[in-house]
C-alpha atoms as a PDB file:
ATOM      1  CA  MET A   1     -23.799  -4.172 -25.076  1.00  0.00           C
ATOM      2  CA  ALA A   2     -22.445  -2.213 -22.617  1.00  0.00           C
ATOM      3  CA  TYR A   3     -20.402  -3.035 -19.445  1.00  0.00           C
ATOM      4  CA  LEU A   4     -20.394  -1.869 -16.128  1.00  0.00           C
ATOM      5  CA  VAL A   5     -17.035  -1.487 -14.615  1.00  0.00           C
ATOM      6  CA  GLU A   6     -16.363  -1.155 -11.223  1.00  0.00           C
ATOM      7  CA  SER A   7     -13.638   1.142 -10.135  1.00  0.00           C
ATOM      8  CA  VAL A   8     -12.360   1.905  -6.670  1.00  0.00           C
ATOM      9  CA  ASP A   9     -11.262   5.633  -5.978  1.00  0.00           C
ATOM     10  CA  ARG A  10      -8.288   5.528  -4.192  1.00  0.00           C
ATOM     11  CA  ARG A  11      -8.796   8.784  -2.261  1.00  0.00           C
ATOM     12  CA  TYR A  12     -11.537   7.185  -0.397  1.00  0.00           C
ATOM     13  CA  ILE A  13     -10.042   4.100   0.782  1.00  0.00           C
ATOM     14  CA  PRO A  14      -7.310   4.407   4.017  1.00  0.00           C
ATOM     15  CA  ARG A  15      -4.044   3.829   3.553  1.00  0.00           C
ATOM     16  CA  VAL A  16      -1.596   3.333   5.958  1.00  0.00           C
ATOM     17  CA  ARG A  17       2.364   3.867   5.966  1.00  0.00           C
ATOM     18  CA  VAL A  18       4.416   0.714   6.505  1.00  0.00           C
ATOM     19  CA  GLU A  19       7.741  -0.630   6.269  1.00  0.00           C
ATOM     20  CA  LEU A  20       8.137  -4.060   5.672  1.00  0.00           C
ATOM     21  CA  PHE A  21      10.188  -6.431   3.294  1.00  0.00           C
ATOM     22  CA  LEU A  22       8.047  -9.058   1.361  1.00  0.00           C
ATOM     23  CA  ASN A  23       8.456 -11.320  -1.592  1.00  0.00           C
ATOM     24  CA  GLN A  24       7.285 -10.755  -5.086  1.00  0.00           C
ATOM     25  CA  TYR A  25       6.746 -13.713  -7.248  1.00  0.00           C
ATOM     26  CA  ILE A  26       6.707 -13.076 -11.318  1.00  0.00           C
ATOM     27  CA  ASP A  27       6.864 -15.910 -13.064  1.00  0.00           C
ATOM     28  CA  ASP A  28       7.327 -18.391 -10.035  1.00  0.00           C
ATOM     29  CA  ARG A  29      10.616 -16.198  -9.335  1.00  0.00           C
ATOM     30  CA  PRO A  30      11.081 -14.274  -6.092  1.00  0.00           C
ATOM     31  CA  PHE A  31      12.069 -10.583  -6.228  1.00  0.00           C
ATOM     32  CA  ARG A  32      12.680  -8.845  -2.599  1.00  0.00           C
ATOM     33  CA  ALA A  33      10.708  -5.542  -2.278  1.00  0.00           C
ATOM     34  CA  LEU A  34      10.026  -3.186   0.153  1.00  0.00           C
ATOM     35  CA  ALA A  35       6.005  -2.080   0.990  1.00  0.00           C
ATOM     36  CA  THR A  36       5.963   1.535   1.893  1.00  0.00           C
ATOM     37  CA  ASN A  37       2.042   1.899   1.946  1.00  0.00           C
ATOM     38  CA  LEU A  38      -0.849  -0.831   2.880  1.00  0.00           C
ATOM     39  CA  SER A  39      -4.553  -0.260   2.097  1.00  0.00           C
ATOM     40  CA  GLU A  40      -7.574  -3.018   2.205  1.00  0.00           C
ATOM     41  CA  THR A  41      -7.169  -3.365  -1.296  1.00  0.00           C
ATOM     42  CA  GLY A  42      -3.764  -2.761  -2.545  1.00  0.00           C
ATOM     43  CA  ILE A  43      -0.128  -2.230  -1.890  1.00  0.00           C
ATOM     44  CA  LEU A  44       2.482   0.046  -3.059  1.00  0.00           C
ATOM     45  CA  ILE A  45       6.339  -1.568  -3.137  1.00  0.00           C
ATOM     46  CA  GLN A  46       9.722  -0.371  -4.105  1.00  0.00           C
ATOM     47  CA  LYS A  47      12.338  -2.376  -5.394  1.00  0.00           C
ATOM     48  CA  LEU A  48      16.083  -2.123  -7.254  1.00  0.00           C
ATOM     49  CA  LEU A  49      15.881  -2.017 -10.811  1.00  0.00           C
ATOM     50  CA  GLU A  50      16.652  -4.847 -12.458  1.00  0.00           C
ATOM     51  CA  PRO A  51      17.321  -5.420 -16.056  1.00  0.00           C
ATOM     52  CA  ALA A  52      15.789  -8.889 -16.540  1.00  0.00           C
ATOM     53  CA  LEU A  53      12.738  -8.243 -14.472  1.00  0.00           C
ATOM     54  CA  PRO A  54       9.770 -10.112 -16.589  1.00  0.00           C
ATOM     55  CA  LEU A  55       6.383  -7.894 -17.031  1.00  0.00           C
ATOM     56  CA  SER A  56       3.314 -10.077 -15.640  1.00  0.00           C
ATOM     57  CA  ARG A  57      -0.221  -9.109 -15.415  1.00  0.00           C
ATOM     58  CA  VAL A  58      -0.531 -10.950 -11.976  1.00  0.00           C
ATOM     59  CA  VAL A  59       2.057 -11.200  -9.547  1.00  0.00           C
ATOM     60  CA  GLY A  60       2.324 -13.263  -6.072  1.00  0.00           C
ATOM     61  CA  LEU A  61       2.918 -11.493  -2.772  1.00  0.00           C
ATOM     62  CA  GLU A  62       4.200 -13.141   0.563  1.00  0.00           C
ATOM     63  CA  PHE A  63       4.268 -10.614   3.433  1.00  0.00           C
ATOM     64  CA  GLU A  64       4.295 -10.573   7.553  1.00  0.00           C
ATOM     65  CA  LEU A  65       1.688  -8.442   8.780  1.00  0.00           C
ATOM     66  CA  PRO A  66       3.563  -6.603  11.592  1.00  0.00           C
ATOM     67  CA  GLY A  67       2.086  -7.853  15.173  1.00  0.00           C
ATOM     68  CA  THR A  68       0.303 -10.609  14.064  1.00  0.00           C
ATOM     69  CA  GLY A  69       3.032 -13.576  13.078  1.00  0.00           C
ATOM     70  CA  GLU A  70       1.103 -14.422   9.588  1.00  0.00           C
ATOM     71  CA  VAL A  71       2.183 -14.663   6.470  1.00  0.00           C
ATOM     72  CA  VAL A  72      -0.168 -13.509   3.863  1.00  0.00           C
ATOM     73  CA  TRP A  73      -0.004 -14.772   0.752  1.00  0.00           C
ATOM     74  CA  ALA A  74      -2.099 -12.898  -2.251  1.00  0.00           C
ATOM     75  CA  SER A  75      -2.010 -12.741  -5.605  1.00  0.00           C
ATOM     76  CA  ALA A  76      -2.091  -8.871  -7.148  1.00  0.00           C
ATOM     77  CA  GLU A  77      -2.395  -6.992 -10.219  1.00  0.00           C
ATOM     78  CA  PRO A  78       0.089  -4.001 -11.070  1.00  0.00           C
ATOM     79  CA  ARG A  79      -2.009  -0.691 -11.673  1.00  0.00           C
ATOM     80  CA  PHE A  80       1.046   1.333 -12.390  1.00  0.00           C
ATOM     81  CA  ASP A  81       5.002   1.364 -12.418  1.00  0.00           C
ATOM     82  CA  THR A  82       7.144   4.288 -12.067  1.00  0.00           C
ATOM     83  CA  LEU A  83      10.697   4.173 -12.553  1.00  0.00           C
ATOM     84  CA  ASP A  84      13.774   6.526 -10.872  1.00  0.00           C
ATOM     85  CA  SER A  85      17.359   5.896 -10.982  1.00  0.00           C
ATOM     86  CA  ASP A  86      17.886   3.278  -8.364  1.00  0.00           C
ATOM     87  CA  PHE A  87      14.336   1.994  -7.739  1.00  0.00           C
ATOM     88  CA  GLN A  88      10.648   0.769  -9.324  1.00  0.00           C
ATOM     89  CA  HIS A  89       7.749   1.794  -7.766  1.00  0.00           C
ATOM     90  CA  SER A  90       4.579  -0.354  -8.320  1.00  0.00           C
ATOM     91  CA  GLY A  91       1.077   0.482  -7.004  1.00  0.00           C
ATOM     92  CA  LEU A  92      -0.612  -3.229  -6.846  1.00  0.00           C
ATOM     93  CA  THR A  93      -4.361  -3.678  -6.436  1.00  0.00           C
ATOM     94  CA  PHE A  94      -5.115  -7.194  -4.641  1.00  0.00           C
ATOM     95  CA  LYS A  95      -6.871  -9.876  -6.920  1.00  0.00           C
ATOM     96  CA  ALA A  96      -7.400 -12.992  -4.148  1.00  0.00           C
ATOM     97  CA  MET A  97      -5.972 -13.905  -0.770  1.00  0.00           C
ATOM     98  CA  ALA A  98      -7.347 -16.505   1.973  1.00  0.00           C
ATOM     99  CA  ALA A  99     -10.498 -14.961   3.786  1.00  0.00           C
ATOM    100  CA  LYS A 100      -8.618 -15.486   7.060  1.00  0.00           C
ATOM    101  CA  HIS A 101      -5.681 -12.937   5.395  1.00  0.00           C
ATOM    102  CA  GLU A 102      -8.365 -10.297   4.301  1.00  0.00           C
ATOM    103  CA  GLN A 103     -10.065 -10.405   7.277  1.00  0.00           C
ATOM    104  CA  LEU A 104      -6.152  -9.642   9.091  1.00  0.00           C
ATOM    105  CA  LEU A 105      -5.403  -7.057   6.474  1.00  0.00           C
ATOM    106  CA  THR A 106      -8.678  -5.295   7.121  1.00  0.00           C
ATOM    107  CA  GLU A 107      -8.083  -5.115  11.190  1.00  0.00           C
ATOM    108  CA  PHE A 108      -4.531  -3.979  10.534  1.00  0.00           C
ATOM    109  CA  VAL A 109      -5.406  -1.394   8.150  1.00  0.00           C
ATOM    110  CA  ARG A 110      -8.418   0.037  10.429  1.00  0.00           C
ATOM    111  CA  GLU A 111      -6.425  -0.159  13.899  1.00  0.00           C
ATOM    112  CA  ARG A 112      -3.741   2.035  11.962  1.00  0.00           C
ATOM    113  CA  VAL A 113      -5.951   4.469  10.738  1.00  0.00           C
ATOM    114  CA  ALA A 114      -7.632   4.815  14.404  1.00  0.00           C
ATOM    115  CA  LEU A 115      -4.181   5.291  15.702  1.00  0.00           C
ATOM    116  CA  GLY A 116      -3.283   7.873  13.259  1.00  0.00           C
ATOM    117  CA  ARG A 117      -6.630   9.835  14.068  1.00  0.00           C
ATOM    118  CA  SER A 118      -6.279   9.487  18.098  1.00  0.00           C
ATOM    119  CA  GLY A 119      -3.071   7.748  19.120  1.00  0.00           C
ATOM    120  CA  ARG A 120       0.246   9.786  18.744  1.00  0.00           C
ATOM    121  CA  PHE A 121      -0.488  11.538  15.646  1.00  0.00           C
ATOM    122  CA  GLY A 122      -3.738  13.194  16.721  1.00  0.00           C
ATOM    123  CA  GLY A 123      -4.543  16.067  19.054  1.00  0.00           C
ATOM    124  CA  ARG A 124      -2.147  19.006  18.971  1.00  0.00           C
ATOM    125  CA  TRP A 125      -0.284  17.903  16.076  1.00  0.00           C
ATOM    126  CA  ARG A 126      -3.087  17.415  13.817  1.00  0.00           C
ATOM    127  CA  ASP A 127      -4.532  20.719  14.467  1.00  0.00           C
ATOM    128  CA  SER A 128      -1.121  22.622  14.151  1.00  0.00           C
ATOM    129  CA  LEU A 129      -0.903  20.899  10.698  1.00  0.00           C
ATOM    130  CA  ALA A 130      -4.290  22.050   9.926  1.00  0.00           C
ATOM    131  CA  ARG A 131      -3.578  25.493  11.116  1.00  0.00           C
ATOM    132  CA  HIS A 132      -0.111  25.574   9.234  1.00  0.00           C
ATOM    133  CA  ALA A 133      -1.857  24.254   5.740  1.00  0.00           C
ATOM    134  CA  THR A 134      -4.480  26.926   5.701  1.00  0.00           C
ATOM    135  CA  PRO A 135      -4.374  29.420   2.525  1.00  0.00           C
ATOM    136  CA  ARG A 136      -3.670  32.658   5.362  1.00  0.00           C
ATOM    137  CA  PHE A 137      -0.571  30.923   6.906  1.00  0.00           C
ATOM    138  CA  TRP A 138       0.955  30.995   3.387  1.00  0.00           C
ATOM    139  CA  ALA A 139      -0.216  34.692   2.348  1.00  0.00           C
ATOM    140  CA  ARG A 140       1.638  36.081   5.437  1.00  0.00           C
ATOM    141  CA  SER A 141       5.114  34.225   4.686  1.00  0.00           C
END
């Protein structure tokens, strides 16, 4: 019997840059982390390397969405981990959260994406970046 596995293509899910501290709970132990990137389906965090960090298939997250005053509780599943000399970077996929928090997260990401397209990151800056990113520009260098 074959099972159909639903996968999400990360390239089509809008992500926004954030800088917010959160608590990650692993085996009911809190670990402080910094979120650097957020989408409707997941979050990228970094934390200091800790020698006794347990492995877990599901972790708890507690964070406040900027500007909302709401503390979001969610469970998440680690998708990848990378290490450098000081930090562990973890990509987490949300597995469960309250419907209210899910709606807040969706609205937050969509508003930030819209600001990035038409607000302070739009217009001439975006056009200039696109012009300098073309192969023709690099060929002249």
